[in-house]
Amino acid sequence: MTSGNGTGPGGDGTPAAGPYSGGDGSGTDGDPGGSAAPAPKKPRSFWKELPILVVIALVLALLIKTFLVQAFSIPSDSMQNTLQQGDRVLVDKLTPWFGSKPERGEVVVFHDPDDWLAGEPTAQPNAIQTFLSWIGLMPSAEERDLIKRVIGVGGDTVSCKGSGPLMVNGHALNEPYVYPGNTPCSVDDQGGQFTVHVPKGYIWVMGDHRQNSRDSRYNQSDKHHGMVPVKDVVGRAIVKAWPINRWGTLPIPDTFDQSGINTQSSAAASLTVAPQGAAVAAVLPVAVWRRRRGDRIERKFDKRVAAGKR
């Protein structure tokens, strides 16, 4: 009786060649001893794999925080009622990597451009909070960041007269997001009345709680004249993530889509289209002339061929 690998002893005590043995009675590996297949490796225990899983999770969390999404905590009431103090928001950090610029109406997080937070208390997180914020699992408590709404972008003219409405490029904004009881513009001499022209590479920002927000209006004496450099923008706040009962997205209000507000962009677009139209107008007669000339040559050739046949 042969063994399972075809190399057991035959009836006369000599090795019998099985269907998978070599001609000399050896096993499939040429092993004259006919050893059995190696036993499968014993899987690692959960406790041995746990450190590896933790490291992978931490690396992924750090990558997500650095390049994709980061959580931020709202420290003040300057964005009420859109955002309440203590809310947690998720900020999109990915699109700026692809050249996306802040747009009017977006709620953005940005680094303090020129000591806007002077005099504000700084949080003192413990070691665990510092570590969790470093990998993005908790909002950062040490970074000097602010959150406001973009009102004007490079090339815009933004103005406030009296109590409002707020004007962008000569168009009045209907602002349902402004805190109830507030007027769109503040009637004071500290910055509530203004007309500014936003330079390229900057944005003009304001809080939704107009009478409780130290924003671009009240920092016009700094080195950027109240503007925020686009390079200091961390990203756009896209979701209110916490508390759960306040979960929701942060869309761009319709007032920023009104016709005519993008006057400068429209002018630039017309300048872009105009040369293309001129090029078409110049090329079309040439193309028609070449087509007609080709038809005449083809007719002459046909006549010569027909004459030769006759």
Protein backbone atom coordinates (compact mmCIF):
# COMPACT_ATOMS: atom_id res chain seq x y z
CA MET A 1 0.00 0.00 0.00
CA THR A 2 1.45 3.34 -1.05
CA SER A 3 1.49 6.44 1.10
CA GLY A 4 -0.24 9.68 0.26
CA ASN A 5 2.76 11.11 -1.59
CA GLY A 6 3.32 8.01 -3.72
CA THR A 7 6.63 7.01 -2.15
CA GLY A 8 5.64 4.31 0.37
CA PRO A 9 7.06 0.80 0.28
CA GLY A 10 5.79 -1.65 -2.33
CA GLY A 11 4.77 -5.21 -1.74
CA ASP A 12 8.38 -6.45 -1.90
CA GLY A 13 9.69 -3.77 0.44
CA THR A 14 11.14 -1.63 -2.35
CA PRO A 15 10.02 1.94 -2.89
CA ALA A 16 7.12 2.13 -5.30
CA ALA A 17 6.98 5.01 -7.76
CA GLY A 18 3.70 6.88 -7.48
CA PRO A 19 2.14 9.13 -10.10
CA TYR A 20 3.98 12.21 -8.81
CA SER A 21 7.32 10.61 -7.94
CA GLY A 22 10.55 10.78 -9.87
CA GLY A 23 11.91 7.82 -11.75
CA ASP A 24 14.21 7.02 -8.87
CA GLY A 25 11.34 6.75 -6.39
CA SER A 26 11.99 10.17 -4.91
CA GLY A 27 9.15 12.58 -3.96
CA THR A 28 8.04 15.58 -5.93
CA ASP A 29 10.86 17.71 -4.51
CA GLY A 30 13.46 15.10 -5.23
CA ASP A 31 13.58 14.43 -1.51
CA PRO A 32 14.46 10.75 -1.08
CA GLY A 33 13.05 10.87 2.43
CA GLY A 34 9.61 11.80 1.08
CA SER A 35 9.02 14.45 3.76
CA ALA A 36 5.51 15.89 4.08
CA ALA A 37 4.56 19.45 2.92
CA PRO A 38 5.60 22.19 5.40
CA ALA A 39 2.96 23.10 7.91
CA PRO A 40 1.31 26.52 7.40
CA LYS A 41 2.67 29.38 9.47
CA LYS A 42 0.85 30.07 12.65
CA PRO A 43 -0.92 33.46 12.41
CA ARG A 44 0.26 36.21 14.68
CA SER A 45 -1.74 36.80 17.79
CA PHE A 46 -3.96 39.86 18.03
CA TRP A 47 -1.73 41.41 20.68
CA LYS A 48 1.33 41.15 18.43
CA GLU A 49 -0.50 42.81 15.52
CA LEU A 50 -2.12 45.53 17.63
CA PRO A 51 0.96 47.82 17.75
CA ILE A 52 1.27 47.61 13.95
CA LEU A 53 -2.41 48.52 13.52
CA VAL A 54 -2.04 51.44 15.92
CA VAL A 55 0.98 52.80 14.03
CA ILE A 56 -0.87 52.51 10.69
CA ALA A 57 -3.91 54.28 12.15
CA LEU A 58 -1.76 57.11 13.53
CA VAL A 59 0.06 57.57 10.23
CA LEU A 60 -3.24 57.69 8.32
CA ALA A 61 -4.70 60.15 10.81
CA LEU A 62 -1.63 62.39 10.46
CA LEU A 63 -1.80 62.27 6.66
CA ILE A 64 -5.51 63.08 6.68
CA LYS A 65 -4.96 66.00 9.06
CA THR A 66 -2.05 67.33 6.99
CA PHE A 67 -3.50 67.01 3.50
CA LEU A 68 -7.25 66.34 3.64
CA VAL A 69 -9.41 67.36 6.60
CA GLN A 70 -8.74 68.87 10.01
CA ALA A 71 -11.07 69.53 12.95
CA PHE A 72 -11.29 72.99 14.49
CA SER A 73 -13.11 74.26 17.56
CA ILE A 74 -15.05 77.54 17.51
CA PRO A 75 -13.62 79.70 20.32
CA SER A 76 -15.96 82.72 20.23
CA ASP A 77 -19.40 84.02 19.26
CA SER A 78 -18.22 86.01 16.23
CA MET A 79 -19.87 83.61 13.75
CA GLN A 80 -23.26 83.24 15.47
CA ASN A 81 -25.73 81.91 14.59
CA THR A 82 -24.02 80.04 11.77
CA LEU A 83 -21.53 78.67 14.29
CA GLN A 84 -21.81 78.59 18.06
CA GLN A 85 -18.99 78.73 20.56
CA GLY A 86 -17.79 75.16 21.17
CA ASP A 87 -18.91 73.81 17.78
CA ARG A 88 -16.49 71.54 15.96
CA VAL A 89 -16.07 72.04 12.23
CA LEU A 90 -14.23 70.00 9.61
CA VAL A 91 -12.03 72.03 7.30
CA ASP A 92 -11.20 70.97 3.75
CA LYS A 93 -7.44 71.31 3.32
CA LEU A 94 -7.21 69.33 0.07
CA THR A 95 -8.57 71.70 -2.58
CA PRO A 96 -6.04 74.49 -1.87
CA TRP A 97 -3.30 72.01 -2.83
CA PHE A 98 -4.81 71.99 -6.33
CA GLY A 99 -4.79 75.77 -6.65
CA SER A 100 -8.33 76.45 -5.44
CA LYS A 101 -8.75 79.98 -4.05
CA PRO A 102 -11.25 81.18 -1.43
CA GLU A 103 -14.57 82.34 -2.88
CA ARG A 104 -17.09 84.88 -1.68
CA GLY A 105 -19.47 83.44 0.89
CA GLU A 106 -17.21 80.63 2.07
CA VAL A 107 -16.50 80.20 5.77
CA VAL A 108 -12.73 79.83 6.02
CA VAL A 109 -10.13 79.15 8.69
CA PHE A 110 -6.94 81.19 8.43
CA HIS A 111 -3.79 81.85 10.42
CA ASP A 112 -3.71 85.09 12.37
CA PRO A 113 -2.40 87.49 9.68
CA ASP A 114 -1.05 90.25 11.93
CA ASP A 115 -1.74 89.71 15.64
CA TRP A 116 -5.53 89.98 15.41
CA LEU A 117 -5.72 87.78 18.50
CA ALA A 118 -3.60 90.07 20.66
CA GLY A 119 -4.85 89.93 24.24
CA GLU A 120 -6.91 86.79 23.70
CA PRO A 121 -6.23 83.97 26.19
CA THR A 122 -4.23 81.02 24.89
CA ALA A 123 -5.35 77.50 25.77
CA GLN A 124 -3.00 75.29 27.77
CA PRO A 125 -3.64 71.70 26.62
CA ASN A 126 -2.24 68.71 28.46
CA ALA A 127 0.10 66.18 26.83
CA ILE A 128 -2.72 63.88 25.64
CA GLN A 129 -4.67 66.76 24.10
CA THR A 130 -1.53 68.02 22.40
CA PHE A 131 -0.82 64.59 20.90
CA LEU A 132 -4.39 64.06 19.71
CA SER A 133 -4.52 67.51 18.15
CA TRP A 134 -1.14 66.87 16.46
CA ILE A 135 -2.56 63.86 14.62
CA GLY A 136 -5.87 65.60 13.93
CA LEU A 137 -8.13 63.61 16.25
CA MET A 138 -8.84 66.72 18.32
CA PRO A 139 -9.03 70.39 17.34
CA SER A 140 -5.77 72.23 17.72
CA ALA A 141 -5.61 74.27 20.92
CA GLU A 142 -2.28 75.98 20.28
CA GLU A 143 -2.56 77.24 16.71
CA ARG A 144 -3.51 80.90 16.40
CA ASP A 145 -6.30 80.55 13.86
CA LEU A 146 -9.51 82.45 13.15
CA ILE A 147 -12.70 81.61 11.31
CA LYS A 148 -14.74 84.17 9.31
CA ARG A 149 -16.82 84.49 6.15
CA VAL A 150 -15.21 85.65 2.90
CA ILE A 151 -16.95 88.80 1.67
CA GLY A 152 -14.52 90.08 -0.97
CA VAL A 153 -11.80 88.48 -3.08
CA GLY A 154 -8.97 89.98 -5.13
CA GLY A 155 -10.25 92.77 -7.39
CA ASP A 156 -13.49 93.39 -5.45
CA THR A 157 -14.70 96.66 -3.96
CA VAL A 158 -16.47 96.21 -0.62
CA SER A 159 -18.27 99.04 1.14
CA CYS A 160 -20.54 99.81 4.08
CA LYS A 161 -22.54 103.01 4.59
CA GLY A 162 -24.85 103.64 7.51
CA SER A 163 -26.35 100.41 8.81
CA GLY A 164 -26.18 98.70 5.44
CA PRO A 165 -26.69 96.82 3.29
CA LEU A 166 -23.16 95.57 2.67
CA MET A 167 -22.11 96.23 -0.93
CA VAL A 168 -19.80 94.17 -3.15
CA ASN A 169 -18.91 95.63 -6.55
CA GLY A 170 -21.91 97.97 -6.26
CA HIS A 171 -24.38 95.16 -5.52
CA ALA A 172 -26.23 94.91 -2.21
CA LEU A 173 -25.99 91.62 -0.35
CA ASN A 174 -29.05 90.01 1.18
CA GLU A 175 -27.51 88.38 4.26
CA PRO A 176 -29.88 86.04 6.10
CA TYR A 177 -26.90 84.55 7.97
CA VAL A 178 -26.26 87.80 9.92
CA TYR A 179 -27.00 87.42 13.63
CA PRO A 180 -30.62 88.32 14.45
CA GLY A 181 -30.85 91.90 15.68
CA ASN A 182 -27.58 92.94 14.05
CA THR A 183 -27.37 95.34 11.14
CA PRO A 184 -25.15 94.35 8.19
CA CYS A 185 -22.93 97.37 8.88
CA SER A 186 -21.93 98.94 12.18
CA VAL A 187 -22.38 102.68 12.59
CA ASP A 188 -19.12 103.59 14.30
CA ASP A 189 -15.83 105.31 13.56
CA GLN A 190 -13.65 102.33 14.42
CA GLY A 191 -14.08 100.60 11.06
CA GLY A 192 -17.81 100.04 10.70
CA GLN A 193 -17.98 102.48 7.77
CA PHE A 194 -15.58 101.75 4.95
CA THR A 195 -14.89 101.40 1.25
CA VAL A 196 -12.01 99.08 0.42
CA HIS A 197 -10.49 97.64 -2.73
CA VAL A 198 -9.24 94.09 -2.22
CA PRO A 199 -5.85 93.51 -3.88
CA LYS A 200 -5.00 90.32 -5.72
CA GLY A 201 -3.84 87.54 -3.42
CA TYR A 202 -5.98 88.77 -0.50
CA ILE A 203 -9.50 88.38 0.89
CA TRP A 204 -11.76 90.58 3.03
CA VAL A 205 -13.49 88.67 5.83
CA MET A 206 -16.29 89.47 8.28
CA GLY A 207 -18.03 87.61 11.07
CA ASP A 208 -21.74 86.79 10.89
CA HIS A 209 -22.24 88.34 14.33
CA ARG A 210 -21.48 91.78 12.94
CA GLN A 211 -21.59 93.68 16.22
CA ASN A 212 -19.39 91.10 17.98
CA SER A 213 -16.62 90.31 15.50
CA ARG A 214 -13.15 91.81 15.33
CA ASP A 215 -12.61 91.10 11.64
CA SER A 216 -11.15 92.88 8.60
CA ARG A 217 -13.07 96.07 9.46
CA TYR A 218 -11.28 96.58 12.76
CA ASN A 219 -7.79 95.65 11.62
CA GLN A 220 -7.31 98.15 8.80
CA SER A 221 -4.34 99.68 10.61
CA ASP A 222 -2.28 96.48 10.38
CA LYS A 223 0.34 95.83 7.72
CA HIS A 224 -2.24 94.20 5.40
CA HIS A 225 -4.87 96.92 5.99
CA GLY A 226 -7.35 94.36 7.30
CA MET A 227 -6.90 91.98 4.37
CA VAL A 228 -6.04 88.30 4.85
CA PRO A 229 -3.34 86.89 2.55
CA VAL A 230 -4.64 83.90 0.62
CA LYS A 231 -1.47 82.02 1.58
CA ASP A 232 -2.59 82.16 5.23
CA VAL A 233 -5.89 80.41 4.54
CA VAL A 234 -5.89 76.89 6.00
CA GLY A 235 -9.02 75.77 4.19
CA ARG A 236 -12.79 76.03 3.89
CA ALA A 237 -15.06 74.89 6.73
CA ILE A 238 -17.45 72.44 5.09
CA VAL A 239 -19.26 70.62 7.92
CA LYS A 240 -20.42 71.27 11.46
CA ALA A 241 -19.47 67.92 12.94
CA TRP A 242 -20.14 68.38 16.66
CA PRO A 243 -22.37 68.42 18.64
CA ILE A 244 -24.47 65.90 16.75
CA ASN A 245 -27.68 67.91 17.07
CA ARG A 246 -26.01 70.78 15.16
CA TRP A 247 -24.56 68.65 12.37
CA GLY A 248 -24.87 70.26 8.94
CA THR A 249 -23.03 71.59 5.93
CA LEU A 250 -21.84 75.16 5.37
CA PRO A 251 -22.90 76.07 1.82
CA ILE A 252 -22.26 79.35 0.01
CA PRO A 253 -25.31 81.63 0.36
CA ASP A 254 -27.25 82.42 -2.82
CA THR A 255 -26.68 86.17 -2.43
CA PHE A 256 -23.13 85.73 -3.73
CA ASP A 257 -24.45 84.18 -6.96
CA GLN A 258 -26.51 87.21 -7.99
CA SER A 259 -26.09 88.49 -11.51
CA GLY A 260 -23.51 91.24 -12.00
CA ILE A 261 -21.51 90.76 -8.83
CA ASN A 262 -18.70 89.17 -10.83
CA THR A 263 -18.26 92.19 -13.06
CA GLN A 264 -14.49 91.95 -13.19
CA SER A 265 -14.52 88.21 -13.80
CA SER A 266 -17.06 88.70 -16.60
CA ALA A 267 -14.85 91.36 -18.19
CA ALA A 268 -11.87 89.03 -18.02
CA ALA A 269 -13.95 86.26 -19.57
CA SER A 270 -15.02 88.54 -22.44
CA LEU A 271 -11.38 89.45 -23.06
CA THR A 272 -10.57 85.77 -23.20
CA VAL A 273 -13.36 84.98 -25.62
CA ALA A 274 -12.81 88.00 -27.88
CA PRO A 275 -9.42 86.91 -29.29
CA GLN A 276 -10.84 83.48 -30.00
CA GLY A 277 -13.72 85.04 -31.94
CA ALA A 278 -11.32 87.27 -33.84
CA ALA A 279 -9.17 84.28 -34.71
CA VAL A 280 -12.18 82.39 -36.08
CA ALA A 281 -13.25 85.43 -38.10
CA ALA A 282 -9.76 85.73 -39.58
CA VAL A 283 -9.29 82.06 -40.37
CA LEU A 284 -12.75 81.36 -41.84
CA PRO A 285 -12.29 83.36 -45.12
CA VAL A 286 -8.91 81.70 -45.69
CA ALA A 287 -10.42 78.26 -45.17
CA VAL A 288 -13.25 79.01 -47.62
CA TRP A 289 -10.77 80.33 -50.20
CA ARG A 290 -8.59 77.21 -49.87
CA ARG A 291 -11.64 74.96 -50.25
CA ARG A 292 -12.83 76.74 -53.41
CA ARG A 293 -9.31 76.74 -54.88
CA GLY A 294 -9.03 73.00 -54.25
CA ASP A 295 -12.37 72.43 -56.00
CA ARG A 296 -11.21 74.37 -59.09
CA ILE A 297 -7.97 72.36 -59.33
CA GLU A 298 -9.90 69.11 -58.98
CA ARG A 299 -12.31 70.09 -61.80
CA LYS A 300 -9.40 70.99 -64.15
CA PHE A 301 -7.76 67.63 -63.43
CA ASP A 302 -10.99 65.78 -64.21
CA LYS A 303 -11.31 67.63 -67.54
CA ARG A 304 -7.74 66.67 -68.56
CA VAL A 305 -8.35 63.04 -67.73
CA ALA A 306 -11.57 63.04 -69.74
CA ALA A 307 -9.81 64.66 -72.73
CA GLY A 308 -7.05 62.06 -72.66
CA LYS A 309 -9.58 59.25 -72.81
CA ARG A 310 -11.12 60.72 -75.91
